[in-house]
C-alpha atoms as a PDB file:
ATOM      1  CA  MET A   1     158.365 103.714  42.715  1.00  0.00           C
ATOM      2  CA  THR A   2     156.456 104.937  45.736  1.00  0.00           C
ATOM      3  CA  ARG A   3     154.154 102.344  47.247  1.00  0.00           C
ATOM      4  CA  THR A   4     150.495 103.356  47.569  1.00  0.00           C
ATOM      5  CA  ASP A   5     147.600 101.634  49.343  1.00  0.00           C
ATOM      6  CA  GLY A   6     144.575 103.286  47.729  1.00  0.00           C
ATOM      7  CA  GLU A   7     143.245 102.436  44.306  1.00  0.00           C
ATOM      8  CA  ASP A   8     143.630 106.054  43.151  1.00  0.00           C
ATOM      9  CA  GLY A   9     147.224 106.171  44.111  1.00  0.00           C
ATOM     10  CA  LYS A  10     146.714 108.013  47.418  1.00  0.00           C
ATOM     11  CA  PRO A  11     147.761 106.592  50.770  1.00  0.00           C
ATOM     12  CA  ALA A  12     144.912 104.800  52.505  1.00  0.00           C
ATOM     13  CA  ALA A  13     143.420 106.557  55.560  1.00  0.00           C
ATOM     14  CA  ALA A  14     144.247 105.070  58.921  1.00  0.00           C
ATOM     15  CA  ALA A  15     141.512 102.808  60.296  1.00  0.00           C
ATOM     16  CA  THR A  16     139.320 104.467  62.957  1.00  0.00           C
ATOM     17  CA  PRO A  17     139.556 102.545  66.220  1.00  0.00           C
ATOM     18  CA  PRO A  18     136.210 101.181  67.412  1.00  0.00           C
ATOM     19  CA  ARG A  19     134.408 103.315  69.956  1.00  0.00           C
ATOM     20  CA  PRO A  20     134.049 101.808  73.410  1.00  0.00           C
ATOM     21  CA  PRO A  21     130.481 100.807  74.300  1.00  0.00           C
ATOM     22  CA  PRO A  22     128.527 103.372  76.357  1.00  0.00           C
ATOM     23  CA  PRO A  23     128.586 102.736  80.082  1.00  0.00           C
ATOM     24  CA  ALA A  24     125.733 100.683  81.394  1.00  0.00           C
ATOM     25  CA  PRO A  25     123.042 102.699  83.193  1.00  0.00           C
ATOM     26  CA  PRO A  26     123.224 102.443  86.965  1.00  0.00           C
ATOM     27  CA  LEU A  27     121.090  99.758  88.466  1.00  0.00           C
ATOM     28  CA  PRO A  28     117.992 101.067  90.274  1.00  0.00           C
ATOM     29  CA  ALA A  29     118.258 101.168  94.036  1.00  0.00           C
ATOM     30  CA  PRO A  30     116.649  98.134  95.638  1.00  0.00           C
ATOM     31  CA  PRO A  31     113.252  98.830  97.194  1.00  0.00           C
ATOM     32  CA  ILE A  32     113.384  99.706 100.872  1.00  0.00           C
ATOM     33  CA  SER A  33     110.522  97.334 101.636  1.00  0.00           C
ATOM     34  CA  ASP A  34     107.804  95.482  99.774  1.00  0.00           C
ATOM     35  CA  ASN A  35     105.365  96.956 102.303  1.00  0.00           C
ATOM     36  CA  LEU A  36     106.264 100.544 101.337  1.00  0.00           C
ATOM     37  CA  THR A  37     104.075 102.103  98.642  1.00  0.00           C
ATOM     38  CA  VAL A  38     104.615 105.495  97.015  1.00  0.00           C
ATOM     39  CA  ILE A  39     101.644 106.953  95.132  1.00  0.00           C
ATOM     40  CA  PRO A  40     102.499 107.262  91.405  1.00  0.00           C
ATOM     41  CA  PRO A  41     103.900 110.796  90.798  1.00  0.00           C
ATOM     42  CA  LYS A  42     101.137 112.022  88.529  1.00  0.00           C
ATOM     43  CA  LYS A  43     101.080 115.680  87.531  1.00  0.00           C
ATOM     44  CA  HIS A  44      98.282 116.729  89.857  1.00  0.00           C
ATOM     45  CA  VAL A  45     100.028 115.044  92.800  1.00  0.00           C
ATOM     46  CA  ARG A  46     103.302 116.799  91.955  1.00  0.00           C
ATOM     47  CA  GLU A  47     101.435 120.117  91.750  1.00  0.00           C
ATOM     48  CA  LEU A  48     100.012 119.666  95.252  1.00  0.00           C
ATOM     49  CA  GLN A  49     103.472 118.825  96.591  1.00  0.00           C
ATOM     50  CA  THR A  50     104.896 121.922  94.888  1.00  0.00           C
ATOM     51  CA  ILE A  51     102.288 124.267  96.365  1.00  0.00           C
ATOM     52  CA  ILE A  52     102.829 122.841  99.856  1.00  0.00           C
ATOM     53  CA  ARG A  53     106.601 123.366  99.580  1.00  0.00           C
ATOM     54  CA  ASP A  54     106.371 126.904  98.134  1.00  0.00           C
ATOM     55  CA  ARG A  55     107.195 129.484 100.819  1.00  0.00           C
ATOM     56  CA  ASN A  56     104.998 132.040  99.035  1.00  0.00           C
ATOM     57  CA  THR A  57     101.839 129.936  99.406  1.00  0.00           C
ATOM     58  CA  THR A  58      99.249 131.643 101.600  1.00  0.00           C
ATOM     59  CA  ARG A  59      97.942 129.734 104.597  1.00  0.00           C
ATOM     60  CA  SER A  60      94.444 129.407 103.122  1.00  0.00           C
ATOM     61  CA  ASP A  61      95.879 127.937  99.915  1.00  0.00           C
ATOM     62  CA  PHE A  62      98.265 125.760 101.906  1.00  0.00           C
ATOM     63  CA  LYS A  63      95.433 124.219 103.893  1.00  0.00           C
ATOM     64  CA  PHE A  64      93.212 123.762 100.823  1.00  0.00           C
ATOM     65  CA  TYR A  65      95.850 121.936  98.789  1.00  0.00           C
ATOM     66  CA  ALA A  66      97.150 120.007 101.804  1.00  0.00           C
ATOM     67  CA  ASP A  67      93.603 118.717 102.357  1.00  0.00           C
ATOM     68  CA  ARG A  68      93.502 117.592  98.732  1.00  0.00           C
ATOM     69  CA  LEU A  69      96.753 115.650  99.111  1.00  0.00           C
ATOM     70  CA  ILE A  70      95.579 114.166 102.401  1.00  0.00           C
ATOM     71  CA  ARG A  71      92.380 112.971 100.749  1.00  0.00           C
ATOM     72  CA  LEU A  72      94.354 111.278  97.964  1.00  0.00           C
ATOM     73  CA  VAL A  73      96.549 109.425 100.470  1.00  0.00           C
ATOM     74  CA  VAL A  74      93.566 108.405 102.580  1.00  0.00           C
ATOM     75  CA  GLU A  75      91.693 107.105  99.535  1.00  0.00           C
ATOM     76  CA  GLU A  76      94.727 105.018  98.547  1.00  0.00           C
ATOM     77  CA  GLY A  77      95.020 103.759 102.107  1.00  0.00           C
ATOM     78  CA  LEU A  78      91.448 102.493 102.022  1.00  0.00           C
ATOM     79  CA  ASN A  79      92.480 100.182  99.179  1.00  0.00           C
ATOM     80  CA  LEU A  80      94.677  98.322 101.662  1.00  0.00           C
ATOM     81  CA  LEU A  81      91.792  97.541 104.017  1.00  0.00           C
ATOM     82  CA  PRO A  82      89.845  94.267 103.754  1.00  0.00           C
ATOM     83  CA  TYR A  83      86.723  94.026 101.587  1.00  0.00           C
ATOM     84  CA  THR A  84      84.229  91.245 100.982  1.00  0.00           C
ATOM     85  CA  PRO A  85      82.266  90.387  97.810  1.00  0.00           C
ATOM     86  CA  ALA A  86      78.768  91.863  97.729  1.00  0.00           C
ATOM     87  CA  THR A  87      76.082  91.576  95.046  1.00  0.00           C
ATOM     88  CA  VAL A  88      73.494  94.359  94.870  1.00  0.00           C
ATOM     89  CA  THR A  89      70.439  95.006  92.731  1.00  0.00           C
ATOM     90  CA  THR A  90      70.604  98.173  90.620  1.00  0.00           C
ATOM     91  CA  PRO A  91      67.598 100.500  90.055  1.00  0.00           C
ATOM     92  CA  THR A  92      67.118  98.822  86.663  1.00  0.00           C
ATOM     93  CA  GLY A  93      66.893  95.376  88.262  1.00  0.00           C
ATOM     94  CA  HIS A  94      70.365  94.135  87.284  1.00  0.00           C
ATOM     95  CA  GLN A  95      72.623  92.212  89.646  1.00  0.00           C
ATOM     96  CA  TYR A  96      75.970  93.894  90.189  1.00  0.00           C
ATOM     97  CA  PRO A  97      78.836  91.857  91.709  1.00  0.00           C
ATOM     98  CA  GLY A  98      80.788  94.391  93.763  1.00  0.00           C
ATOM     99  CA  LEU A  99      82.632  94.794  97.036  1.00  0.00           C
ATOM    100  CA  ARG A 100      81.625  95.913 100.481  1.00  0.00           C
ATOM    101  CA  TYR A 101      83.920  97.598 102.995  1.00  0.00           C
ATOM    102  CA  GLN A 102      84.483  95.461 106.081  1.00  0.00           C
ATOM    103  CA  ARG A 103      83.783  96.947 109.473  1.00  0.00           C
ATOM    104  CA  GLY A 104      86.216  96.855 112.359  1.00  0.00           C
ATOM    105  CA  ASN A 105      88.680  99.554 111.293  1.00  0.00           C
ATOM    106  CA  CYS A 106      89.813 102.698 113.087  1.00  0.00           C
ATOM    107  CA  GLY A 107      92.185 105.615 112.755  1.00  0.00           C
ATOM    108  CA  VAL A 108      94.930 106.832 115.085  1.00  0.00           C
ATOM    109  CA  SER A 109      96.514 110.259 114.691  1.00  0.00           C
ATOM    110  CA  ILE A 110      99.818 111.333 116.180  1.00  0.00           C
ATOM    111  CA  VAL A 111      99.202 114.718 117.796  1.00  0.00           C
ATOM    112  CA  ARG A 112      99.479 117.419 116.612  1.00  0.00           C
ATOM    113  CA  SER A 113     100.245 117.336 112.896  1.00  0.00           C
ATOM    114  CA  GLY A 114      98.523 113.978 112.478  1.00  0.00           C
ATOM    115  CA  GLU A 115      95.233 115.623 113.438  1.00  0.00           C
ATOM    116  CA  ALA A 116      95.354 117.450 110.091  1.00  0.00           C
ATOM    117  CA  MET A 117      94.538 114.116 108.443  1.00  0.00           C
ATOM    118  CA  GLU A 118      91.535 113.234 110.607  1.00  0.00           C
ATOM    119  CA  GLN A 119      88.959 115.150 108.573  1.00  0.00           C
ATOM    120  CA  GLY A 120      90.151 113.524 105.352  1.00  0.00           C
ATOM    121  CA  LEU A 121      89.574 110.119 106.931  1.00  0.00           C
ATOM    122  CA  ARG A 122      86.150 111.106 108.269  1.00  0.00           C
ATOM    123  CA  ASP A 123      85.172 112.430 104.839  1.00  0.00           C
ATOM    124  CA  CYS A 124      85.696 108.907 103.508  1.00  0.00           C
ATOM    125  CA  CYS A 125      84.505 106.919 106.543  1.00  0.00           C
ATOM    126  CA  ARG A 126      81.854 108.935 108.352  1.00  0.00           C
ATOM    127  CA  SER A 127      81.513 106.868 111.515  1.00  0.00           C
ATOM    128  CA  ILE A 128      85.108 105.673 111.924  1.00  0.00           C
ATOM    129  CA  ARG A 129      86.568 105.893 115.431  1.00  0.00           C
ATOM    130  CA  ILE A 130      89.865 107.744 115.888  1.00  0.00           C
ATOM    131  CA  GLY A 131      92.391 107.377 118.697  1.00  0.00           C
ATOM    132  CA  LYS A 132      95.288 109.684 119.519  1.00  0.00           C
ATOM    133  CA  ILE A 133      98.939 109.465 120.513  1.00  0.00           C
ATOM    134  CA  LEU A 134     100.997 112.399 121.804  1.00  0.00           C
ATOM    135  CA  VAL A 135     104.748 111.997 121.370  1.00  0.00           C
ATOM    136  CA  SER A 136     107.191 114.502 122.871  1.00  0.00           C
ATOM    137  CA  SER A 137     110.907 114.831 122.073  1.00  0.00           C
ATOM    138  CA  ASP A 138     113.492 115.703 124.689  1.00  0.00           C
ATOM    139  CA  LEU A 139     115.136 119.028 123.827  1.00  0.00           C
ATOM    140  CA  ASP A 140     118.590 117.780 124.828  1.00  0.00           C
ATOM    141  CA  THR A 141     118.663 114.141 123.725  1.00  0.00           C
ATOM    142  CA  HIS A 142     115.933 114.379 121.024  1.00  0.00           C
ATOM    143  CA  GLU A 143     114.617 111.056 122.339  1.00  0.00           C
ATOM    144  CA  ALA A 144     110.923 110.557 121.604  1.00  0.00           C
ATOM    145  CA  ARG A 145     108.583 109.502 124.403  1.00  0.00           C
ATOM    146  CA  VAL A 146     104.842 108.988 124.514  1.00  0.00           C
ATOM    147  CA  VAL A 147     103.047 111.226 127.034  1.00  0.00           C
ATOM    148  CA  TYR A 148      99.456 110.345 126.084  1.00  0.00           C
ATOM    149  CA  ALA A 149      97.707 107.523 124.252  1.00  0.00           C
ATOM    150  CA  LYS A 150      93.976 106.894 123.862  1.00  0.00           C
ATOM    151  CA  PHE A 151      92.570 104.104 121.681  1.00  0.00           C
ATOM    152  CA  PRO A 152      89.182 102.469 121.117  1.00  0.00           C
ATOM    153  CA  GLU A 153      88.676  99.700 123.678  1.00  0.00           C
ATOM    154  CA  ASP A 154      88.786  96.938 121.073  1.00  0.00           C
ATOM    155  CA  VAL A 155      91.640  98.448 119.049  1.00  0.00           C
ATOM    156  CA  ALA A 156      93.615  95.174 119.170  1.00  0.00           C
ATOM    157  CA  GLU A 157      90.883  93.570 117.037  1.00  0.00           C
ATOM    158  CA  ARG A 158      90.831  96.329 114.399  1.00  0.00           C
ATOM    159  CA  LYS A 159      92.773  97.364 111.342  1.00  0.00           C
ATOM    160  CA  VAL A 160      94.399 100.694 112.187  1.00  0.00           C
ATOM    161  CA  LEU A 161      95.142 103.638 109.884  1.00  0.00           C
ATOM    162  CA  LEU A 162      97.994 105.496 111.624  1.00  0.00           C
ATOM    163  CA  MET A 163      98.187 109.136 110.466  1.00  0.00           C
ATOM    164  CA  TYR A 164     101.314 111.318 110.543  1.00  0.00           C
ATOM    165  CA  PRO A 165     101.946 113.680 107.595  1.00  0.00           C
ATOM    166  CA  ILE A 166     105.737 114.201 107.799  1.00  0.00           C
ATOM    167  CA  MET A 167     108.118 111.323 108.498  1.00  0.00           C
ATOM    168  CA  ASN A 168     111.580 112.860 108.711  1.00  0.00           C
ATOM    169  CA  THR A 169     113.652 110.676 111.056  1.00  0.00           C
ATOM    170  CA  GLY A 170     111.117 107.965 111.874  1.00  0.00           C
ATOM    171  CA  ASN A 171     111.743 108.188 115.642  1.00  0.00           C
ATOM    172  CA  THR A 172     108.233 109.426 116.437  1.00  0.00           C
ATOM    173  CA  ILE A 173     106.630 106.634 114.430  1.00  0.00           C
ATOM    174  CA  VAL A 174     108.809 103.958 116.047  1.00  0.00           C
ATOM    175  CA  ARG A 175     107.933 105.165 119.544  1.00  0.00           C
ATOM    176  CA  ALA A 176     104.233 105.359 118.718  1.00  0.00           C
ATOM    177  CA  LEU A 177     104.265 101.832 117.287  1.00  0.00           C
ATOM    178  CA  HIS A 178     105.922 100.475 120.422  1.00  0.00           C
ATOM    179  CA  VAL A 179     103.066 101.905 122.493  1.00  0.00           C
ATOM    180  CA  MET A 180     100.496 100.482 120.071  1.00  0.00           C
ATOM    181  CA  ARG A 181     102.139  97.095 120.422  1.00  0.00           C
ATOM    182  CA  GLU A 182     101.826  97.378 124.211  1.00  0.00           C
ATOM    183  CA  HIS A 183      98.062  97.800 123.667  1.00  0.00           C
ATOM    184  CA  GLY A 184      97.881  94.544 121.713  1.00  0.00           C
ATOM    185  CA  ILE A 185      97.933  96.066 118.207  1.00  0.00           C
ATOM    186  CA  GLN A 186      99.817  93.823 115.803  1.00  0.00           C
ATOM    187  CA  GLU A 187     102.037  95.617 113.307  1.00  0.00           C
ATOM    188  CA  GLN A 188     100.574  93.733 110.331  1.00  0.00           C
ATOM    189  CA  ASN A 189      97.214  95.309 111.203  1.00  0.00           C
ATOM    190  CA  VAL A 190      98.620  98.861 110.967  1.00  0.00           C
ATOM    191  CA  ILE A 191      98.737 100.989 107.810  1.00  0.00           C
ATOM    192  CA  LEU A 192     100.820 104.147 108.173  1.00  0.00           C
ATOM    193  CA  LEU A 193      99.509 107.054 106.096  1.00  0.00           C
ATOM    194  CA  THR A 194     102.058 109.824 105.587  1.00  0.00           C
ATOM    195  CA  LEU A 195     102.380 112.594 103.003  1.00  0.00           C
ATOM    196  CA  PHE A 196     106.158 113.027 102.867  1.00  0.00           C
ATOM    197  CA  CYS A 197     108.825 110.527 103.887  1.00  0.00           C
ATOM    198  CA  THR A 198     112.628 110.397 103.815  1.00  0.00           C
ATOM    199  CA  PRO A 199     114.507 107.205 102.886  1.00  0.00           C
ATOM    200  CA  VAL A 200     116.265 107.300 106.276  1.00  0.00           C
ATOM    201  CA  ALA A 201     112.943 107.296 108.115  1.00  0.00           C
ATOM    202  CA  ALA A 202     111.515 104.576 105.891  1.00  0.00           C
ATOM    203  CA  ARG A 203     114.515 102.306 106.530  1.00  0.00           C
ATOM    204  CA  LEU A 204     114.342 102.823 110.282  1.00  0.00           C
ATOM    205  CA  VAL A 205     110.619 102.140 110.540  1.00  0.00           C
ATOM    206  CA  THR A 206     110.556  99.157 108.166  1.00  0.00           C
ATOM    207  CA  SER A 207     113.570  97.554 109.844  1.00  0.00           C
ATOM    208  CA  SER A 208     111.928  97.948 113.256  1.00  0.00           C
ATOM    209  CA  PHE A 209     108.466  96.858 112.068  1.00  0.00           C
ATOM    210  CA  PRO A 210     108.901  94.836 108.860  1.00  0.00           C
ATOM    211  CA  ARG A 211     105.233  93.807 108.634  1.00  0.00           C
ATOM    212  CA  LEU A 212     103.936  97.378 108.904  1.00  0.00           C
ATOM    213  CA  ARG A 213     102.504  98.781 105.666  1.00  0.00           C
ATOM    214  CA  ILE A 214     103.426 102.355 104.714  1.00  0.00           C
ATOM    215  CA  LEU A 215     101.735 104.574 102.141  1.00  0.00           C
ATOM    216  CA  THR A 216     103.198 107.962 101.181  1.00  0.00           C
ATOM    217  CA  SER A 217     102.879 110.492  98.367  1.00  0.00           C
ATOM    218  CA  GLU A 218     106.615 111.183  98.095  1.00  0.00           C
ATOM    219  CA  MET A 219     110.008 109.777  99.019  1.00  0.00           C
ATOM    220  CA  ASN A 220     112.536 112.610  99.301  1.00  0.00           C
ATOM    221  CA  GLU A 221     115.652 113.445 101.300  1.00  0.00           C
ATOM    222  CA  VAL A 222     114.102 116.784 102.335  1.00  0.00           C
ATOM    223  CA  THR A 223     110.584 117.011 103.776  1.00  0.00           C
ATOM    224  CA  PRO A 224     108.441 120.127 104.339  1.00  0.00           C
ATOM    225  CA  ASN A 225     108.868 120.182 108.116  1.00  0.00           C
ATOM    226  CA  HIS A 226     106.849 123.387 108.348  1.00  0.00           C
ATOM    227  CA  PHE A 227     103.682 121.425 107.532  1.00  0.00           C
ATOM    228  CA  GLY A 228     102.078 121.391 110.980  1.00  0.00           C
ATOM    229  CA  GLN A 229     102.791 125.057 111.695  1.00  0.00           C
ATOM    230  CA  ARG A 230     101.468 126.197 108.335  1.00  0.00           C
ATOM    231  CA  TYR A 231      98.388 123.981 108.473  1.00  0.00           C
ATOM    232  CA  PHE A 232      97.298 125.124 111.937  1.00  0.00           C
ATOM    233  CA  GLY A 233      98.509 128.713 111.515  1.00  0.00           C
ATOM    234  CA  THR A 234     101.105 128.628 114.302  1.00  0.00           C
ATOM    235  CA  ASP A 235     104.115 129.555 112.169  1.00  0.00           C
END
């Protein structure tokens, strides 16, 4: 008699081997620095970044949407400045416990592309003082050097919003910060406002100035390096 394993007389099917568990998802990359903040990638922010990167964007549209993105970054940067509690009386006679912006802040733009961000800062802070730094790169060695720097006289006592829209390698920022340090500006009193930043640049700057705070709209390996030329119409 033939031996059978199933109750109906048919051979039993071979057992299916258990499937291996799915591979664990890769762990997220550790943050470059706790002092580096990237604006949440909301749809309207991503749209502005897309228009700025599109080679078919006209210059007038480029400038309009770049100004919008600049304003968003500046507004976020103002959140990092110091405020004090302030209670005011409303037109209906109610007491409102709010905040008041502390004085003693200034802006510094890195010429020339950083000047594109000056109007956005003035639109938010009408009377704010703005200094300038001009950094030039050697054509052969690509080494950055400062050829001009002008700051408010009491800049060492102020919180400084440093403006530079594209941070590709980080060399320009590092050189500018060294000059600011020579003028008594402490790195913990500086907030770098930039629109586009590469991870390489962020690592270089944060390793050189770990107490510096950085705010950007995007972290990407490729930045729109045509920004300054398109904004000022010199492309």
